[in-house]
């Protein structure tokens, strides 16, 4: 099985390339309501389909991941700048895809 290195909640780990959100959450002992946020270059992805391999999503290209729970205080400047509450609320009602991807705030194009 192919693996790659990524940072998850500030810790650099070797992850299986075809891992899912559920597998990561279970392997890292994260709470069931924690949402996976993936950061790659100038994109941010919030993953909704927790059983799809990350390698099939934009999130699979990320080098940094965060698990965030509803109502949790922001742990860093990037998470603080994201309008995640609206994104998560919207995704609960309008899940059109496996992830919601948007431009990373603070990067000029």
N, C-alpha and C. Protein backbone atom coordinates (compact mmCIF):
# COMPACT_ATOMS: atom_id res chain seq x y z
N UNK A 1 0.84 -1.17 0.00
CA UNK A 1 0.00 0.00 0.00
C UNK A 1 0.89 1.24 0.00
N UNK A 2 0.60 2.16 -0.88
CA UNK A 2 1.37 3.40 -1.00
C UNK A 2 1.02 4.33 0.16
N UNK A 3 2.04 5.03 0.67
CA UNK A 3 1.81 5.99 1.74
C UNK A 3 2.41 7.34 1.35
N UNK A 4 2.03 8.37 2.07
CA UNK A 4 2.58 9.70 1.86
C UNK A 4 2.61 10.41 3.20
N UNK A 5 3.39 11.48 3.26
CA UNK A 5 3.52 12.25 4.49
C UNK A 5 2.59 13.46 4.44
N UNK A 6 1.95 13.74 5.55
CA UNK A 6 1.08 14.91 5.67
C UNK A 6 1.06 15.35 7.13
N UNK A 7 0.67 16.58 7.36
CA UNK A 7 0.53 17.10 8.71
C UNK A 7 -0.94 17.08 9.08
N UNK A 8 -1.25 16.44 10.20
CA UNK A 8 -2.62 16.37 10.69
C UNK A 8 -2.65 16.99 12.07
N UNK A 9 -3.39 18.07 12.20
CA UNK A 9 -3.47 18.80 13.48
C UNK A 9 -2.10 19.07 14.08
N UNK A 10 -1.16 19.47 13.23
CA UNK A 10 0.16 19.88 13.69
C UNK A 10 1.18 18.77 13.85
N UNK A 11 0.80 17.54 13.56
CA UNK A 11 1.72 16.41 13.70
C UNK A 11 1.95 15.80 12.31
N UNK A 12 3.21 15.61 11.94
CA UNK A 12 3.53 15.02 10.64
C UNK A 12 3.44 13.50 10.76
N UNK A 13 2.64 12.92 9.86
CA UNK A 13 2.36 11.48 9.90
C UNK A 13 2.50 10.88 8.51
N UNK A 14 2.75 9.60 8.47
CA UNK A 14 2.73 8.86 7.22
C UNK A 14 1.33 8.26 7.09
N UNK A 15 0.63 8.66 6.00
CA UNK A 15 -0.75 8.24 5.80
C UNK A 15 -0.88 7.33 4.59
N UNK A 16 -1.74 6.31 4.66
CA UNK A 16 -2.02 5.52 3.47
C UNK A 16 -2.65 6.42 2.41
N UNK A 17 -2.24 6.28 1.18
CA UNK A 17 -2.73 7.14 0.10
C UNK A 17 -4.23 7.00 -0.12
N UNK A 18 -4.78 5.84 0.16
CA UNK A 18 -6.21 5.62 -0.10
C UNK A 18 -7.06 5.69 1.17
N UNK A 19 -6.57 6.32 2.23
CA UNK A 19 -7.32 6.38 3.48
C UNK A 19 -8.56 7.25 3.33
N UNK A 20 -9.54 7.00 4.17
CA UNK A 20 -10.79 7.76 4.18
C UNK A 20 -10.82 8.62 5.44
N UNK A 21 -11.77 9.54 5.50
CA UNK A 21 -11.93 10.37 6.69
C UNK A 21 -12.22 9.49 7.89
N UNK A 22 -13.10 8.51 7.72
CA UNK A 22 -13.44 7.60 8.82
C UNK A 22 -12.21 6.87 9.35
N UNK A 23 -11.38 6.39 8.45
CA UNK A 23 -10.17 5.67 8.87
C UNK A 23 -9.20 6.60 9.59
N UNK A 24 -9.03 7.82 9.09
CA UNK A 24 -8.16 8.78 9.77
C UNK A 24 -8.71 9.13 11.15
N UNK A 25 -10.00 9.41 11.21
CA UNK A 25 -10.62 9.77 12.47
C UNK A 25 -10.45 8.66 13.50
N UNK A 26 -10.72 7.42 13.09
CA UNK A 26 -10.59 6.29 14.00
C UNK A 26 -9.14 6.07 14.42
N UNK A 27 -8.23 6.14 13.43
CA UNK A 27 -6.81 5.89 13.72
C UNK A 27 -6.18 6.95 14.61
N UNK A 28 -6.73 8.16 14.56
CA UNK A 28 -6.17 9.27 15.36
C UNK A 28 -7.03 9.58 16.59
N UNK A 29 -8.02 8.75 16.85
CA UNK A 29 -8.88 8.89 18.02
C UNK A 29 -9.56 10.26 18.09
N UNK A 30 -10.08 10.70 16.95
CA UNK A 30 -10.81 11.96 16.89
C UNK A 30 -12.29 11.69 17.13
N UNK A 31 -13.02 12.65 17.69
CA UNK A 31 -14.46 12.47 17.94
C UNK A 31 -15.23 12.30 16.64
N UNK A 32 -16.35 11.62 16.71
CA UNK A 32 -17.17 11.34 15.54
C UNK A 32 -17.71 12.59 14.84
N UNK A 33 -17.86 13.68 15.57
CA UNK A 33 -18.41 14.88 14.95
C UNK A 33 -17.33 15.82 14.39
N UNK A 34 -16.08 15.39 14.41
CA UNK A 34 -14.99 16.21 13.87
C UNK A 34 -14.99 16.14 12.35
N UNK A 35 -14.94 17.31 11.72
CA UNK A 35 -14.96 17.44 10.26
C UNK A 35 -13.52 17.58 9.77
N UNK A 36 -13.20 16.94 8.64
CA UNK A 36 -11.86 17.04 8.08
C UNK A 36 -11.77 18.22 7.13
N UNK A 37 -10.78 19.08 7.38
CA UNK A 37 -10.48 20.23 6.52
C UNK A 37 -9.10 19.98 5.94
N UNK A 38 -9.01 20.04 4.62
CA UNK A 38 -7.74 19.79 3.93
C UNK A 38 -7.24 21.08 3.29
N UNK A 39 -5.93 21.34 3.41
CA UNK A 39 -5.34 22.54 2.83
C UNK A 39 -4.23 22.11 1.88
N UNK A 40 -4.36 22.56 0.64
CA UNK A 40 -3.34 22.27 -0.36
C UNK A 40 -3.10 23.51 -1.20
N UNK A 41 -1.92 24.06 -1.12
CA UNK A 41 -1.60 25.26 -1.89
C UNK A 41 -2.57 26.37 -1.59
N UNK A 42 -3.33 26.81 -2.61
CA UNK A 42 -4.27 27.90 -2.42
C UNK A 42 -5.72 27.44 -2.29
N UNK A 43 -5.92 26.14 -2.06
CA UNK A 43 -7.28 25.60 -1.90
C UNK A 43 -7.51 25.02 -0.52
N UNK A 44 -8.75 25.12 -0.09
CA UNK A 44 -9.20 24.48 1.14
C UNK A 44 -10.39 23.60 0.77
N UNK A 45 -10.43 22.39 1.31
CA UNK A 45 -11.55 21.49 1.05
C UNK A 45 -12.11 20.98 2.38
N UNK A 46 -13.44 21.01 2.48
CA UNK A 46 -14.13 20.41 3.62
C UNK A 46 -14.75 19.13 3.08
N UNK A 47 -14.39 18.00 3.67
CA UNK A 47 -14.81 16.70 3.15
C UNK A 47 -16.14 16.29 3.77
N UNK A 48 -17.10 15.90 2.92
CA UNK A 48 -18.43 15.48 3.36
C UNK A 48 -18.60 13.97 3.24
N UNK A 49 -18.05 13.37 2.19
CA UNK A 49 -18.18 11.92 1.98
C UNK A 49 -17.05 11.23 2.74
N UNK A 50 -17.37 10.76 3.90
CA UNK A 50 -16.34 10.23 4.80
C UNK A 50 -15.88 8.82 4.47
N UNK A 51 -16.56 8.16 3.54
CA UNK A 51 -16.19 6.80 3.18
C UNK A 51 -15.46 6.71 1.84
N UNK A 52 -15.33 7.81 1.14
CA UNK A 52 -14.63 7.84 -0.14
C UNK A 52 -13.14 8.02 0.13
N UNK A 53 -12.28 7.29 -0.56
CA UNK A 53 -10.84 7.49 -0.38
C UNK A 53 -10.44 8.93 -0.69
N UNK A 54 -9.61 9.51 0.14
CA UNK A 54 -9.17 10.89 -0.08
C UNK A 54 -8.47 11.04 -1.42
N UNK A 55 -7.85 9.97 -1.90
CA UNK A 55 -7.14 10.02 -3.18
C UNK A 55 -8.07 10.33 -4.34
N UNK A 56 -9.38 10.18 -4.17
CA UNK A 56 -10.35 10.49 -5.22
C UNK A 56 -10.84 11.93 -5.15
N UNK A 57 -10.36 12.69 -4.16
CA UNK A 57 -10.83 14.04 -3.93
C UNK A 57 -9.69 15.04 -4.03
N UNK A 58 -10.02 16.31 -4.17
CA UNK A 58 -9.02 17.37 -4.09
C UNK A 58 -8.31 17.28 -2.74
N UNK A 59 -9.05 16.92 -1.70
CA UNK A 59 -8.49 16.81 -0.36
C UNK A 59 -7.35 15.80 -0.29
N UNK A 60 -7.33 14.86 -1.21
CA UNK A 60 -6.26 13.85 -1.22
C UNK A 60 -4.91 14.41 -1.60
N UNK A 61 -4.90 15.60 -2.18
CA UNK A 61 -3.64 16.25 -2.57
C UNK A 61 -3.09 17.13 -1.46
N UNK A 62 -3.82 17.26 -0.39
CA UNK A 62 -3.44 18.18 0.68
C UNK A 62 -2.17 17.72 1.39
N UNK A 63 -1.44 18.70 1.90
CA UNK A 63 -0.28 18.38 2.73
C UNK A 63 -0.56 18.70 4.19
N UNK A 64 -1.69 19.38 4.45
CA UNK A 64 -2.07 19.72 5.81
C UNK A 64 -3.55 19.44 6.01
N UNK A 65 -3.87 18.80 7.12
CA UNK A 65 -5.26 18.48 7.47
C UNK A 65 -5.54 18.95 8.89
N UNK A 66 -6.79 19.31 9.11
CA UNK A 66 -7.25 19.66 10.45
C UNK A 66 -8.56 18.95 10.69
N UNK A 67 -8.75 18.44 11.90
CA UNK A 67 -10.06 17.97 12.32
C UNK A 67 -10.64 19.07 13.19
N UNK A 68 -11.87 19.46 12.89
CA UNK A 68 -12.49 20.54 13.66
C UNK A 68 -13.89 20.13 14.07
N UNK A 69 -14.20 20.40 15.32
CA UNK A 69 -15.52 20.10 15.86
C UNK A 69 -16.37 21.37 15.87
N UNK A 70 -17.68 21.21 15.76
CA UNK A 70 -18.57 22.38 15.82
C UNK A 70 -18.39 23.12 17.15
N UNK A 71 -18.31 24.45 17.08
CA UNK A 71 -18.19 25.24 18.29
C UNK A 71 -16.81 25.26 18.92
N UNK A 72 -15.87 24.58 18.33
CA UNK A 72 -14.51 24.52 18.87
C UNK A 72 -13.81 25.86 18.63
N UNK A 73 -13.00 26.31 19.58
CA UNK A 73 -12.24 27.55 19.34
C UNK A 73 -11.25 27.35 18.20
N UNK A 74 -10.97 28.43 17.48
CA UNK A 74 -10.03 28.37 16.36
C UNK A 74 -8.62 28.16 16.89
N UNK A 75 -7.91 27.21 16.26
CA UNK A 75 -6.57 26.86 16.73
C UNK A 75 -5.46 27.58 16.00
N UNK A 76 -5.77 28.17 14.86
CA UNK A 76 -4.74 28.89 14.12
C UNK A 76 -5.39 29.96 13.24
N UNK A 77 -4.56 30.79 12.66
CA UNK A 77 -5.05 31.92 11.87
C UNK A 77 -5.85 31.47 10.65
N UNK A 78 -5.41 30.40 9.99
CA UNK A 78 -6.13 29.92 8.81
C UNK A 78 -7.55 29.49 9.17
N UNK A 79 -7.67 28.66 10.18
CA UNK A 79 -8.99 28.18 10.59
C UNK A 79 -9.86 29.36 11.02
N UNK A 80 -9.28 30.34 11.69
CA UNK A 80 -10.04 31.51 12.13
C UNK A 80 -10.57 32.32 10.95
N UNK A 81 -9.86 32.32 9.84
CA UNK A 81 -10.27 33.12 8.68
C UNK A 81 -11.30 32.42 7.80
N UNK A 82 -11.45 31.13 7.96
CA UNK A 82 -12.42 30.40 7.15
C UNK A 82 -13.82 30.60 7.71
N UNK A 83 -14.79 30.70 6.85
CA UNK A 83 -16.18 30.80 7.28
C UNK A 83 -16.74 29.37 7.33
N UNK A 84 -16.18 28.57 8.22
CA UNK A 84 -16.52 27.15 8.25
C UNK A 84 -17.93 26.87 8.75
N UNK A 85 -18.40 27.67 9.67
CA UNK A 85 -19.75 27.42 10.19
C UNK A 85 -20.77 27.48 9.06
N UNK A 86 -20.67 28.52 8.21
CA UNK A 86 -21.60 28.62 7.08
C UNK A 86 -21.39 27.49 6.09
N UNK A 87 -20.13 27.15 5.83
CA UNK A 87 -19.83 26.06 4.90
C UNK A 87 -20.40 24.74 5.41
N UNK A 88 -20.22 24.47 6.69
CA UNK A 88 -20.72 23.22 7.27
C UNK A 88 -22.24 23.21 7.32
N UNK A 89 -22.85 24.34 7.68
CA UNK A 89 -24.31 24.42 7.69
C UNK A 89 -24.88 24.22 6.29
N UNK A 90 -24.28 24.88 5.31
CA UNK A 90 -24.73 24.77 3.93
C UNK A 90 -24.56 23.34 3.42
N UNK A 91 -23.45 22.71 3.79
CA UNK A 91 -23.20 21.37 3.28
C UNK A 91 -24.16 20.35 3.88
N UNK A 92 -24.66 20.61 5.08
CA UNK A 92 -25.65 19.71 5.68
C UNK A 92 -26.91 19.64 4.83
N UNK A 93 -27.26 20.78 4.23
CA UNK A 93 -28.52 20.87 3.48
C UNK A 93 -28.34 20.61 1.98
N UNK A 94 -27.21 21.02 1.44
CA UNK A 94 -27.02 21.01 -0.02
C UNK A 94 -25.85 20.13 -0.45
N UNK A 95 -25.70 19.00 0.08
CA UNK A 95 -24.54 18.18 -0.27
C UNK A 95 -24.63 17.74 -1.72
N UNK A 96 -23.98 18.51 -2.56
CA UNK A 96 -23.98 18.19 -3.98
C UNK A 96 -22.77 17.35 -4.35
N UNK A 97 -21.83 17.23 -3.46
CA UNK A 97 -20.62 16.49 -3.78
C UNK A 97 -19.96 15.94 -2.55
N UNK A 98 -18.82 15.34 -2.77
CA UNK A 98 -18.08 14.69 -1.70
C UNK A 98 -17.30 15.68 -0.86
N UNK A 99 -17.11 16.90 -1.39
CA UNK A 99 -16.35 17.91 -0.65
C UNK A 99 -16.76 19.30 -1.14
N UNK A 100 -16.52 20.28 -0.29
CA UNK A 100 -16.70 21.67 -0.67
C UNK A 100 -15.31 22.27 -0.75
N UNK A 101 -14.95 22.80 -1.91
CA UNK A 101 -13.62 23.35 -2.12
C UNK A 101 -13.73 24.83 -2.40
N UNK A 102 -12.86 25.61 -1.78
CA UNK A 102 -12.86 27.05 -2.00
C UNK A 102 -11.45 27.60 -1.88
N UNK A 103 -11.29 28.83 -2.35
CA UNK A 103 -10.00 29.51 -2.35
C UNK A 103 -9.55 29.76 -0.91
N UNK A 104 -8.29 29.52 -0.65
CA UNK A 104 -7.73 29.76 0.67
C UNK A 104 -7.67 31.27 0.92
N UNK A 105 -8.23 31.73 2.05
CA UNK A 105 -8.19 33.17 2.32
C UNK A 105 -6.77 33.64 2.58
N UNK A 106 -6.51 34.89 2.20
CA UNK A 106 -5.20 35.47 2.46
C UNK A 106 -4.17 35.25 1.38
N UNK A 107 -4.54 34.55 0.30
CA UNK A 107 -3.61 34.34 -0.81
C UNK A 107 -4.10 35.18 -1.98
N UNK A 108 -3.25 36.10 -2.44
CA UNK A 108 -3.60 36.97 -3.57
C UNK A 108 -3.26 36.28 -4.87
N UNK A 109 -4.14 36.45 -5.87
CA UNK A 109 -3.91 35.83 -7.18
C UNK A 109 -3.75 36.88 -8.24
